[in-house]
């Protein structure tokens, strides 16, 4: 075999190390980076602390891309309507509201309006996209914030279900996540 061919073949089997950004968003089977974010209701919430008590569903909303997203409002309403089912499944739901630092808490409160989230649900703030960037979910385009995404995270911070949309309408239904929590998906 020629020396050039041997070098070329050896390059084909060298391991490739990808950066986190090159790997993309978390996928089923991945272990996610822990995070701690402020809650709209006050205080800080750390993923690993919440996950100690059972599965955590992380729902990434579009936040405030210059307006309150009507699809996010509808999505949150669907999830709130299924709150009893998530409670029965032993899951907590963390909804992430990303956006620019300025007035993000006020915009999140405006988004919720007079609605009170049920037990087991919290809305967390991602000012400046720290979380969104660390999980590679930043939809970096005009009038965009984050890709609508849903993850089921176990006690060990492993992902048992991951859905990331590349469109506004690609939202994961609560029933899909409940099936996943039951081991049916």
N, C-alpha and C. Protein backbone atom coordinates (compact mmCIF):
# COMPACT_ATOMS: atom_id res chain seq x y z
N UNK A 1 0.85 -1.16 0.00
CA UNK A 1 0.00 0.00 0.00
C UNK A 1 0.90 1.24 0.00
N UNK A 2 0.49 2.25 -0.71
CA UNK A 2 1.32 3.45 -0.76
C UNK A 2 1.25 4.20 0.56
N UNK A 3 2.30 4.95 0.82
CA UNK A 3 2.40 5.71 2.06
C UNK A 3 1.27 6.75 2.17
N UNK A 4 0.92 7.39 1.08
CA UNK A 4 -0.15 8.39 1.07
C UNK A 4 -1.49 7.74 1.41
N UNK A 5 -1.76 6.58 0.85
CA UNK A 5 -3.00 5.87 1.13
C UNK A 5 -3.06 5.46 2.60
N UNK A 6 -1.95 5.00 3.17
CA UNK A 6 -1.92 4.61 4.59
C UNK A 6 -2.21 5.80 5.49
N UNK A 7 -1.62 6.96 5.18
CA UNK A 7 -1.87 8.17 5.97
C UNK A 7 -3.34 8.57 5.84
N UNK A 8 -3.87 8.52 4.63
CA UNK A 8 -5.27 8.88 4.41
C UNK A 8 -6.20 7.95 5.19
N UNK A 9 -5.96 6.66 5.17
CA UNK A 9 -6.79 5.70 5.91
C UNK A 9 -6.67 5.91 7.41
N UNK A 10 -5.48 6.23 7.90
CA UNK A 10 -5.33 6.43 9.35
C UNK A 10 -6.08 7.67 9.81
N UNK A 11 -6.20 8.67 8.95
CA UNK A 11 -6.96 9.87 9.30
C UNK A 11 -8.45 9.58 9.41
N UNK A 12 -8.92 8.60 8.70
CA UNK A 12 -10.34 8.26 8.74
C UNK A 12 -10.76 7.67 10.07
N UNK A 13 -9.85 7.06 10.80
CA UNK A 13 -10.22 6.41 12.05
C UNK A 13 -9.83 7.19 13.29
N UNK A 14 -9.26 8.39 13.12
CA UNK A 14 -8.93 9.20 14.29
C UNK A 14 -10.21 9.66 14.97
N UNK A 15 -10.25 9.63 16.30
CA UNK A 15 -11.45 10.09 16.99
C UNK A 15 -11.62 11.60 16.81
N UNK A 16 -12.86 12.02 16.69
CA UNK A 16 -13.17 13.42 16.53
C UNK A 16 -13.82 13.90 17.81
N UNK A 17 -13.33 14.98 18.35
CA UNK A 17 -13.89 15.55 19.56
C UNK A 17 -14.68 16.80 19.19
N UNK A 18 -15.96 16.76 19.42
CA UNK A 18 -16.82 17.89 19.09
C UNK A 18 -16.98 18.80 20.29
N UNK A 19 -17.06 20.10 20.06
CA UNK A 19 -17.37 21.03 21.13
C UNK A 19 -18.86 20.92 21.45
N UNK A 20 -19.26 21.48 22.58
CA UNK A 20 -20.67 21.42 22.97
C UNK A 20 -21.56 22.04 21.90
N UNK A 21 -21.12 23.16 21.33
CA UNK A 21 -21.93 23.83 20.30
C UNK A 21 -22.08 22.96 19.06
N UNK A 22 -21.04 22.21 18.73
CA UNK A 22 -21.09 21.35 17.55
C UNK A 22 -21.99 20.13 17.79
N UNK A 23 -22.13 19.73 19.04
CA UNK A 23 -22.99 18.59 19.38
C UNK A 23 -24.46 18.97 19.27
N UNK A 24 -24.76 20.24 19.42
CA UNK A 24 -26.14 20.70 19.35
C UNK A 24 -26.85 20.57 20.68
N UNK A 25 -28.17 20.72 20.66
CA UNK A 25 -28.97 20.62 21.88
C UNK A 25 -28.87 19.23 22.50
N UNK A 26 -29.21 19.11 23.78
CA UNK A 26 -29.20 17.78 24.42
C UNK A 26 -30.12 16.81 23.68
N UNK A 27 -29.70 15.56 23.65
CA UNK A 27 -30.47 14.51 23.00
C UNK A 27 -30.78 13.42 24.03
N UNK A 28 -31.72 12.57 23.70
CA UNK A 28 -32.04 11.43 24.56
C UNK A 28 -30.76 10.64 24.82
N UNK A 29 -30.50 10.36 26.10
CA UNK A 29 -29.30 9.63 26.51
C UNK A 29 -28.19 10.53 26.99
N UNK A 30 -28.24 11.82 26.66
CA UNK A 30 -27.22 12.76 27.12
C UNK A 30 -27.41 13.08 28.60
N UNK A 31 -26.34 13.53 29.23
CA UNK A 31 -26.40 14.12 30.56
C UNK A 31 -26.30 15.62 30.36
N UNK A 32 -27.26 16.37 30.92
CA UNK A 32 -27.30 17.81 30.70
C UNK A 32 -26.49 18.55 31.77
N UNK A 33 -26.10 19.76 31.41
CA UNK A 33 -25.44 20.64 32.36
C UNK A 33 -26.47 21.14 33.36
N UNK A 34 -26.09 21.14 34.62
CA UNK A 34 -26.96 21.66 35.67
C UNK A 34 -27.13 23.17 35.47
N UNK A 35 -28.20 23.72 36.00
CA UNK A 35 -28.39 25.17 35.94
C UNK A 35 -29.11 25.63 37.19
N UNK A 36 -28.97 26.90 37.47
CA UNK A 36 -29.70 27.55 38.54
C UNK A 36 -30.23 28.87 37.99
N UNK A 37 -31.54 29.04 38.03
CA UNK A 37 -32.18 30.23 37.48
C UNK A 37 -33.15 30.82 38.49
N UNK A 38 -33.40 32.10 38.36
CA UNK A 38 -34.38 32.77 39.22
C UNK A 38 -35.78 32.39 38.78
N UNK A 39 -36.65 32.23 39.76
CA UNK A 39 -38.05 31.93 39.51
C UNK A 39 -38.83 33.24 39.43
N UNK A 40 -39.87 33.26 38.60
CA UNK A 40 -40.73 34.44 38.53
C UNK A 40 -41.34 34.71 39.90
N UNK A 41 -41.61 33.66 40.67
CA UNK A 41 -42.20 33.81 41.99
C UNK A 41 -41.19 34.20 43.06
N UNK A 42 -39.93 34.30 42.72
CA UNK A 42 -38.89 34.65 43.68
C UNK A 42 -38.05 33.44 44.04
N UNK A 43 -36.82 33.68 44.39
CA UNK A 43 -35.90 32.62 44.76
C UNK A 43 -35.22 32.02 43.55
N UNK A 44 -34.30 31.13 43.82
CA UNK A 44 -33.53 30.44 42.78
C UNK A 44 -33.96 28.98 42.73
N UNK A 45 -33.89 28.40 41.55
CA UNK A 45 -34.22 26.99 41.35
C UNK A 45 -33.04 26.34 40.65
N UNK A 46 -32.53 25.26 41.24
CA UNK A 46 -31.42 24.51 40.66
C UNK A 46 -31.95 23.18 40.15
N UNK A 47 -31.66 22.86 38.91
CA UNK A 47 -32.17 21.64 38.29
C UNK A 47 -31.85 20.40 39.11
N UNK A 48 -30.61 20.23 39.54
CA UNK A 48 -30.22 19.02 40.27
C UNK A 48 -30.97 18.88 41.58
N UNK A 49 -31.31 20.00 42.23
CA UNK A 49 -32.09 19.94 43.47
C UNK A 49 -33.52 19.46 43.20
N UNK A 50 -34.12 19.96 42.13
CA UNK A 50 -35.48 19.57 41.78
C UNK A 50 -35.51 18.11 41.33
N UNK A 51 -34.49 17.69 40.59
CA UNK A 51 -34.44 16.33 40.03
C UNK A 51 -34.27 15.26 41.11
N UNK A 52 -33.80 15.63 42.30
CA UNK A 52 -33.64 14.65 43.39
C UNK A 52 -34.97 13.99 43.74
N UNK A 53 -36.06 14.72 43.54
CA UNK A 53 -37.38 14.23 43.93
C UNK A 53 -38.13 13.51 42.82
N UNK A 54 -37.52 13.35 41.67
CA UNK A 54 -38.19 12.65 40.58
C UNK A 54 -37.95 13.35 39.26
N UNK A 55 -38.59 12.89 38.22
CA UNK A 55 -38.33 13.46 36.89
C UNK A 55 -38.73 14.93 36.82
N UNK A 56 -37.98 15.65 35.99
CA UNK A 56 -38.24 17.07 35.75
C UNK A 56 -38.48 17.24 34.26
N UNK A 57 -39.53 17.96 33.94
CA UNK A 57 -39.80 18.31 32.55
C UNK A 57 -39.38 19.76 32.38
N UNK A 58 -38.45 19.98 31.47
CA UNK A 58 -37.98 21.33 31.16
C UNK A 58 -38.62 21.74 29.84
N UNK A 59 -39.41 22.80 29.90
CA UNK A 59 -40.08 23.32 28.71
C UNK A 59 -39.47 24.69 28.41
N UNK A 60 -38.86 24.81 27.26
CA UNK A 60 -38.23 26.08 26.87
C UNK A 60 -39.19 26.83 25.96
N UNK A 61 -39.60 27.99 26.42
CA UNK A 61 -40.50 28.85 25.67
C UNK A 61 -39.68 29.82 24.81
N UNK A 62 -40.35 30.60 24.01
CA UNK A 62 -39.66 31.62 23.22
C UNK A 62 -39.45 32.88 24.04
N UNK A 63 -40.09 33.01 25.18
CA UNK A 63 -39.88 34.18 26.01
C UNK A 63 -40.46 35.43 25.37
N UNK A 64 -39.65 36.47 25.31
CA UNK A 64 -40.11 37.75 24.79
C UNK A 64 -39.24 38.18 23.62
N UNK A 65 -39.60 37.73 22.40
CA UNK A 65 -38.82 38.14 21.22
C UNK A 65 -39.30 39.48 20.65
N UNK A 66 -39.73 40.38 21.54
CA UNK A 66 -40.27 41.67 21.12
C UNK A 66 -41.77 41.73 21.29
N UNK A 67 -42.39 40.61 21.63
CA UNK A 67 -43.82 40.51 21.85
C UNK A 67 -44.08 39.24 22.65
N UNK A 68 -45.28 39.11 23.22
CA UNK A 68 -45.65 37.89 23.93
C UNK A 68 -46.12 36.87 22.88
N UNK A 69 -45.44 35.76 22.82
CA UNK A 69 -45.71 34.74 21.81
C UNK A 69 -47.07 34.07 22.04
N UNK A 70 -48.00 34.18 21.10
CA UNK A 70 -49.31 33.56 21.29
C UNK A 70 -49.24 32.02 21.33
N UNK A 71 -48.30 31.41 20.61
CA UNK A 71 -48.17 29.96 20.67
C UNK A 71 -47.65 29.51 22.03
N UNK A 72 -46.78 30.32 22.64
CA UNK A 72 -46.31 30.00 23.99
C UNK A 72 -47.46 30.08 24.99
N UNK A 73 -48.30 31.09 24.85
CA UNK A 73 -49.46 31.24 25.76
C UNK A 73 -50.36 30.00 25.66
N UNK A 74 -50.62 29.57 24.45
CA UNK A 74 -51.47 28.39 24.25
C UNK A 74 -50.79 27.14 24.83
N UNK A 75 -49.50 27.03 24.60
CA UNK A 75 -48.74 25.89 25.11
C UNK A 75 -48.80 25.84 26.63
N UNK A 76 -48.55 26.96 27.29
CA UNK A 76 -48.58 26.99 28.75
C UNK A 76 -49.97 26.63 29.26
N UNK A 77 -51.01 27.12 28.61
CA UNK A 77 -52.37 26.78 29.02
C UNK A 77 -52.62 25.27 28.92
N UNK A 78 -52.13 24.63 27.85
CA UNK A 78 -52.30 23.18 27.71
C UNK A 78 -51.58 22.44 28.84
N UNK A 79 -50.38 22.89 29.17
CA UNK A 79 -49.61 22.23 30.22
C UNK A 79 -50.26 22.42 31.59
N UNK A 80 -50.75 23.62 31.85
CA UNK A 80 -51.43 23.89 33.12
C UNK A 80 -52.68 23.02 33.24
N UNK A 81 -53.39 22.83 32.15
CA UNK A 81 -54.58 21.97 32.16
C UNK A 81 -54.24 20.52 32.47
N UNK A 82 -53.01 20.11 32.21
CA UNK A 82 -52.58 18.73 32.48
C UNK A 82 -51.80 18.61 33.80
N UNK A 83 -51.85 19.64 34.63
CA UNK A 83 -51.05 19.67 35.87
C UNK A 83 -51.31 18.47 36.77
N UNK A 84 -52.55 18.06 36.93
CA UNK A 84 -52.86 16.91 37.78
C UNK A 84 -52.20 15.63 37.27
N UNK A 85 -52.15 15.48 35.95
CA UNK A 85 -51.52 14.30 35.36
C UNK A 85 -50.01 14.30 35.62
N UNK A 86 -49.38 15.46 35.56
CA UNK A 86 -47.95 15.54 35.86
C UNK A 86 -47.68 15.26 37.33
N UNK A 87 -48.59 15.73 38.18
CA UNK A 87 -48.44 15.47 39.61
C UNK A 87 -48.55 13.96 39.88
N UNK A 88 -49.53 13.30 39.26
CA UNK A 88 -49.69 11.85 39.41
C UNK A 88 -48.46 11.09 38.91
N UNK A 89 -47.81 11.63 37.88
CA UNK A 89 -46.61 11.00 37.32
C UNK A 89 -45.37 11.29 38.16
N UNK A 90 -45.52 12.15 39.19
CA UNK A 90 -44.40 12.49 40.05
C UNK A 90 -43.40 13.42 39.42
N UNK A 91 -43.83 14.16 38.40
CA UNK A 91 -42.92 15.05 37.66
C UNK A 91 -43.16 16.51 38.03
N UNK A 92 -42.07 17.24 38.04
CA UNK A 92 -42.11 18.69 38.20
C UNK A 92 -41.89 19.30 36.82
N UNK A 93 -42.47 20.47 36.57
CA UNK A 93 -42.35 21.14 35.28
C UNK A 93 -41.70 22.51 35.49
N UNK A 94 -40.58 22.70 34.80
CA UNK A 94 -39.87 23.98 34.82
C UNK A 94 -39.99 24.60 33.44
N UNK A 95 -40.65 25.75 33.38
CA UNK A 95 -40.80 26.47 32.11
C UNK A 95 -39.77 27.59 32.08
N UNK A 96 -38.96 27.59 31.04
CA UNK A 96 -37.88 28.57 30.92
C UNK A 96 -38.33 29.70 30.00
N UNK A 97 -38.22 30.93 30.50
CA UNK A 97 -38.63 32.13 29.76
C UNK A 97 -37.37 32.94 29.46
N UNK A 98 -36.79 32.78 28.24
CA UNK A 98 -35.55 33.48 27.92
C UNK A 98 -35.78 34.87 27.34
N UNK A 99 -34.75 35.69 27.44
CA UNK A 99 -34.84 37.01 26.82
C UNK A 99 -33.69 37.90 27.23
N UNK A 100 -33.72 39.11 26.71
CA UNK A 100 -32.71 40.09 27.09
C UNK A 100 -32.87 40.41 28.58
N UNK A 101 -31.82 40.89 29.18
CA UNK A 101 -31.81 41.15 30.62
C UNK A 101 -32.83 42.20 31.01
N UNK A 102 -32.96 43.26 30.22
CA UNK A 102 -33.82 44.39 30.58
C UNK A 102 -35.28 43.98 30.74
N UNK A 103 -35.80 44.15 31.91
CA UNK A 103 -37.22 43.94 32.21
C UNK A 103 -37.74 42.53 31.95
N UNK A 104 -36.86 41.53 31.94
CA UNK A 104 -37.32 40.17 31.64
C UNK A 104 -38.32 39.68 32.69
N UNK A 105 -38.07 39.96 33.96
CA UNK A 105 -38.99 39.52 35.01
C UNK A 105 -40.37 40.17 34.82
N UNK A 106 -40.39 41.44 34.50
CA UNK A 106 -41.67 42.13 34.27
C UNK A 106 -42.39 41.55 33.06
N UNK A 107 -41.64 41.21 32.02
CA UNK A 107 -42.25 40.63 30.82
C UNK A 107 -42.80 39.23 31.11
N UNK A 108 -42.09 38.47 31.93
CA UNK A 108 -42.58 37.13 32.30
C UNK A 108 -43.85 37.24 33.14
N UNK A 109 -43.88 38.19 34.06
CA UNK A 109 -45.09 38.40 34.87
C UNK A 109 -46.26 38.84 33.98
N UNK A 110 -45.96 39.68 33.00
CA UNK A 110 -46.99 40.10 32.05
C UNK A 110 -47.50 38.89 31.26
N UNK A 111 -46.58 38.00 30.86
CA UNK A 111 -46.95 36.79 30.13
C UNK A 111 -47.93 35.96 30.95
N UNK A 112 -47.63 35.77 32.23
CA UNK A 112 -48.50 34.97 33.09
C UNK A 112 -49.82 35.67 33.39
N UNK A 113 -49.80 37.00 33.42
CA UNK A 113 -51.00 37.75 33.74
C UNK A 113 -51.49 37.39 35.14
N UNK A 114 -52.77 37.15 35.26
CA UNK A 114 -53.34 36.82 36.57
C UNK A 114 -53.29 35.32 36.86
N UNK A 115 -52.75 34.53 35.91
CA UNK A 115 -52.68 33.08 36.11
C UNK A 115 -51.67 32.75 37.20
N UNK A 116 -52.05 31.81 38.03
CA UNK A 116 -51.13 31.26 39.02
C UNK A 116 -50.76 29.86 38.55
N UNK A 117 -49.49 29.58 38.48
CA UNK A 117 -49.06 28.25 38.06
C UNK A 117 -49.41 27.24 39.15
N UNK A 118 -49.82 26.05 38.77
CA UNK A 118 -50.18 25.03 39.75
C UNK A 118 -48.95 24.49 40.49
N UNK A 119 -49.20 23.80 41.60
CA UNK A 119 -48.11 23.15 42.34
C UNK A 119 -47.33 22.26 41.39
N UNK A 120 -46.03 22.26 41.55
CA UNK A 120 -45.19 21.43 40.71
C UNK A 120 -44.74 22.12 39.43
N UNK A 121 -45.24 23.33 39.18
CA UNK A 121 -44.87 24.11 37.99
C UNK A 121 -44.16 25.38 38.45
N UNK A 122 -43.10 25.74 37.75
CA UNK A 122 -42.43 27.01 38.00
C UNK A 122 -41.99 27.61 36.68
N UNK A 123 -42.05 28.94 36.61
CA UNK A 123 -41.50 29.64 35.46
C UNK A 123 -40.18 30.26 35.89
N UNK A 124 -39.14 29.96 35.13
CA UNK A 124 -37.80 30.44 35.43
C UNK A 124 -37.34 31.43 34.37
N UNK A 125 -36.53 32.36 34.80
CA UNK A 125 -36.03 33.41 33.91
C UNK A 125 -34.64 33.07 33.39
N UNK A 126 -34.43 33.30 32.11
CA UNK A 126 -33.12 33.10 31.49
C UNK A 126 -32.66 34.43 30.90
N UNK A 127 -32.23 35.36 31.78
CA UNK A 127 -31.81 36.67 31.28
C UNK A 127 -30.47 36.59 30.56
N UNK A 128 -30.42 37.16 29.38
CA UNK A 128 -29.18 37.17 28.61
C UNK A 128 -28.85 35.84 27.95
N UNK A 129 -29.76 34.88 28.01
CA UNK A 129 -29.63 33.60 27.30
C UNK A 129 -28.51 32.70 27.82
N UNK A 130 -28.13 32.83 29.08
CA UNK A 130 -27.08 31.96 29.62
C UNK A 130 -27.46 30.49 29.54
N UNK A 131 -28.65 30.15 30.03
CA UNK A 131 -29.13 28.76 29.95
C UNK A 131 -29.31 28.34 28.50
N UNK A 132 -30.02 29.17 27.74
CA UNK A 132 -30.32 28.86 26.34
C UNK A 132 -29.05 28.56 25.55
N UNK A 133 -28.03 29.37 25.76
CA UNK A 133 -26.76 29.15 25.07
C UNK A 133 -26.06 27.89 25.57
N UNK A 134 -26.10 27.63 26.88
CA UNK A 134 -25.38 26.47 27.40
C UNK A 134 -25.99 25.16 26.93
N UNK A 135 -27.29 25.15 26.65
CA UNK A 135 -27.95 23.94 26.13
C UNK A 135 -28.08 24.00 24.60
N UNK A 136 -27.45 24.98 23.97
CA UNK A 136 -27.44 25.12 22.51
C UNK A 136 -28.85 25.22 21.92
N UNK A 137 -29.66 26.04 22.55
CA UNK A 137 -31.04 26.21 22.10
C UNK A 137 -31.31 27.61 21.56
N UNK A 138 -30.28 28.41 21.41
CA UNK A 138 -30.46 29.80 20.97
C UNK A 138 -30.85 29.84 19.51
N UNK A 139 -32.01 30.43 19.24
CA UNK A 139 -32.50 30.65 17.88
C UNK A 139 -32.05 32.06 17.52
N UNK A 140 -30.89 32.17 16.98
CA UNK A 140 -30.25 33.45 16.77
C UNK A 140 -30.64 34.02 15.41
N UNK A 141 -31.82 34.60 15.38
CA UNK A 141 -32.35 35.24 14.18
C UNK A 141 -33.18 36.43 14.63
N UNK A 142 -33.45 37.38 13.75
CA UNK A 142 -34.27 38.53 14.16
C UNK A 142 -35.60 38.09 14.75
N UNK A 143 -35.97 38.70 15.84
CA UNK A 143 -37.24 38.44 16.55
C UNK A 143 -37.34 37.00 17.07
N UNK A 144 -36.20 36.39 17.37
CA UNK A 144 -36.20 35.03 17.93
C UNK A 144 -35.39 35.01 19.22
N UNK A 145 -35.62 34.02 20.02
CA UNK A 145 -34.91 33.87 21.29
C UNK A 145 -34.35 32.46 21.43
N UNK A 146 -35.27 31.49 21.57
CA UNK A 146 -34.86 30.10 21.76
C UNK A 146 -35.77 29.20 20.95
N UNK A 147 -35.23 28.03 20.59
CA UNK A 147 -36.07 27.03 19.92
C UNK A 147 -37.04 26.45 20.95
N UNK A 148 -38.34 26.39 20.64
CA UNK A 148 -39.28 25.75 21.56
C UNK A 148 -38.83 24.29 21.77
N UNK A 149 -38.64 23.93 23.02
CA UNK A 149 -38.05 22.62 23.33
C UNK A 149 -38.66 22.02 24.58
N UNK A 150 -38.60 20.70 24.66
CA UNK A 150 -39.08 19.98 25.84
C UNK A 150 -38.13 18.82 26.13
N UNK A 151 -37.78 18.69 27.40
CA UNK A 151 -36.87 17.63 27.83
C UNK A 151 -37.42 16.98 29.09
N UNK A 152 -37.26 15.67 29.20
CA UNK A 152 -37.54 14.97 30.46
C UNK A 152 -36.18 14.58 31.03
N UNK A 153 -35.94 15.04 32.25
CA UNK A 153 -34.64 14.88 32.91
C UNK A 153 -34.81 14.02 34.16
N UNK A 154 -33.95 13.02 34.31
CA UNK A 154 -34.00 12.14 35.47
C UNK A 154 -33.12 12.64 36.62
N UNK A 155 -33.12 11.88 37.73
CA UNK A 155 -32.36 12.24 38.92
C UNK A 155 -30.88 12.42 38.63
N UNK A 156 -30.37 11.66 37.71
CA UNK A 156 -28.94 11.71 37.36
C UNK A 156 -28.64 12.76 36.28
N UNK A 157 -29.62 13.60 35.97
CA UNK A 157 -29.55 14.63 34.94
C UNK A 157 -29.41 14.06 33.53
N UNK A 158 -29.81 12.79 33.38
CA UNK A 158 -29.84 12.18 32.05
C UNK A 158 -31.17 12.50 31.37
N UNK A 159 -31.10 12.68 30.07
CA UNK A 159 -32.28 13.02 29.27
C UNK A 159 -32.95 11.73 28.81
N UNK A 160 -34.22 11.55 29.19
CA UNK A 160 -34.96 10.38 28.73
C UNK A 160 -35.86 10.71 27.54
N UNK A 161 -36.09 12.01 27.30
CA UNK A 161 -36.85 12.44 26.14
C UNK A 161 -36.39 13.84 25.77
N UNK A 162 -36.20 14.08 24.50
CA UNK A 162 -35.80 15.41 24.02
C UNK A 162 -36.53 15.73 22.73
N UNK A 163 -37.14 16.90 22.70
CA UNK A 163 -37.81 17.39 21.49
C UNK A 163 -37.43 18.86 21.31
N UNK A 164 -36.80 19.17 20.20
CA UNK A 164 -36.41 20.54 19.89
C UNK A 164 -37.01 20.89 18.55
N UNK A 165 -37.77 21.97 18.51
CA UNK A 165 -38.44 22.39 17.28
C UNK A 165 -37.60 23.43 16.55
N UNK A 166 -37.67 23.42 15.25
CA UNK A 166 -37.02 24.47 14.48
C UNK A 166 -38.06 25.41 13.86
N UNK A 167 -39.28 25.37 14.45
CA UNK A 167 -40.33 26.27 14.00
C UNK A 167 -41.12 26.76 15.20
N UNK A 168 -41.93 27.76 14.98
CA UNK A 168 -42.75 28.30 16.08
C UNK A 168 -43.80 27.29 16.55
N UNK A 169 -44.36 26.55 15.61
CA UNK A 169 -45.47 25.68 15.93
C UNK A 169 -45.09 24.29 16.41
N UNK A 170 -43.83 23.93 16.36
CA UNK A 170 -43.42 22.58 16.72
C UNK A 170 -43.31 22.37 18.22
N UNK A 171 -44.42 22.42 18.91
CA UNK A 171 -44.45 22.30 20.37
C UNK A 171 -44.77 20.87 20.76
N UNK A 172 -44.21 20.42 21.85
CA UNK A 172 -44.47 19.08 22.34
C UNK A 172 -45.73 19.12 23.21
N UNK A 173 -46.67 18.27 22.91
CA UNK A 173 -47.93 18.21 23.67
C UNK A 173 -47.70 17.54 25.02
N UNK A 174 -48.43 17.97 26.04
CA UNK A 174 -48.31 17.32 27.35
C UNK A 174 -48.54 15.81 27.29
N UNK A 175 -49.46 15.35 26.46
CA UNK A 175 -49.76 13.92 26.37
C UNK A 175 -48.52 13.13 25.91
N UNK A 176 -47.74 13.70 25.02
CA UNK A 176 -46.51 13.04 24.55
C UNK A 176 -45.54 12.86 25.71
N UNK A 177 -45.39 13.88 26.51
CA UNK A 177 -44.46 13.82 27.65
C UNK A 177 -44.99 12.86 28.70
N UNK A 178 -46.27 12.87 28.94
CA UNK A 178 -46.85 11.94 29.93
C UNK A 178 -46.65 10.50 29.50
N UNK A 179 -46.77 10.22 28.20
CA UNK A 179 -46.48 8.86 27.72
C UNK A 179 -45.00 8.50 27.96
N UNK A 180 -44.14 9.46 27.73
CA UNK A 180 -42.71 9.23 27.97
C UNK A 180 -42.44 8.96 29.46
N UNK A 181 -43.08 9.72 30.32
CA UNK A 181 -42.91 9.53 31.76
C UNK A 181 -43.40 8.14 32.20
N UNK A 182 -44.42 7.64 31.51
CA UNK A 182 -44.99 6.33 31.83
C UNK A 182 -44.19 5.20 31.18
N UNK A 183 -43.20 5.57 30.37
CA UNK A 183 -42.38 4.56 29.69
C UNK A 183 -43.02 4.03 28.42
N UNK A 184 -44.05 4.72 27.93
CA UNK A 184 -44.75 4.29 26.73
C UNK A 184 -44.21 4.90 25.45
N UNK A 185 -43.19 5.73 25.55
CA UNK A 185 -42.65 6.35 24.33
C UNK A 185 -41.16 6.34 24.36
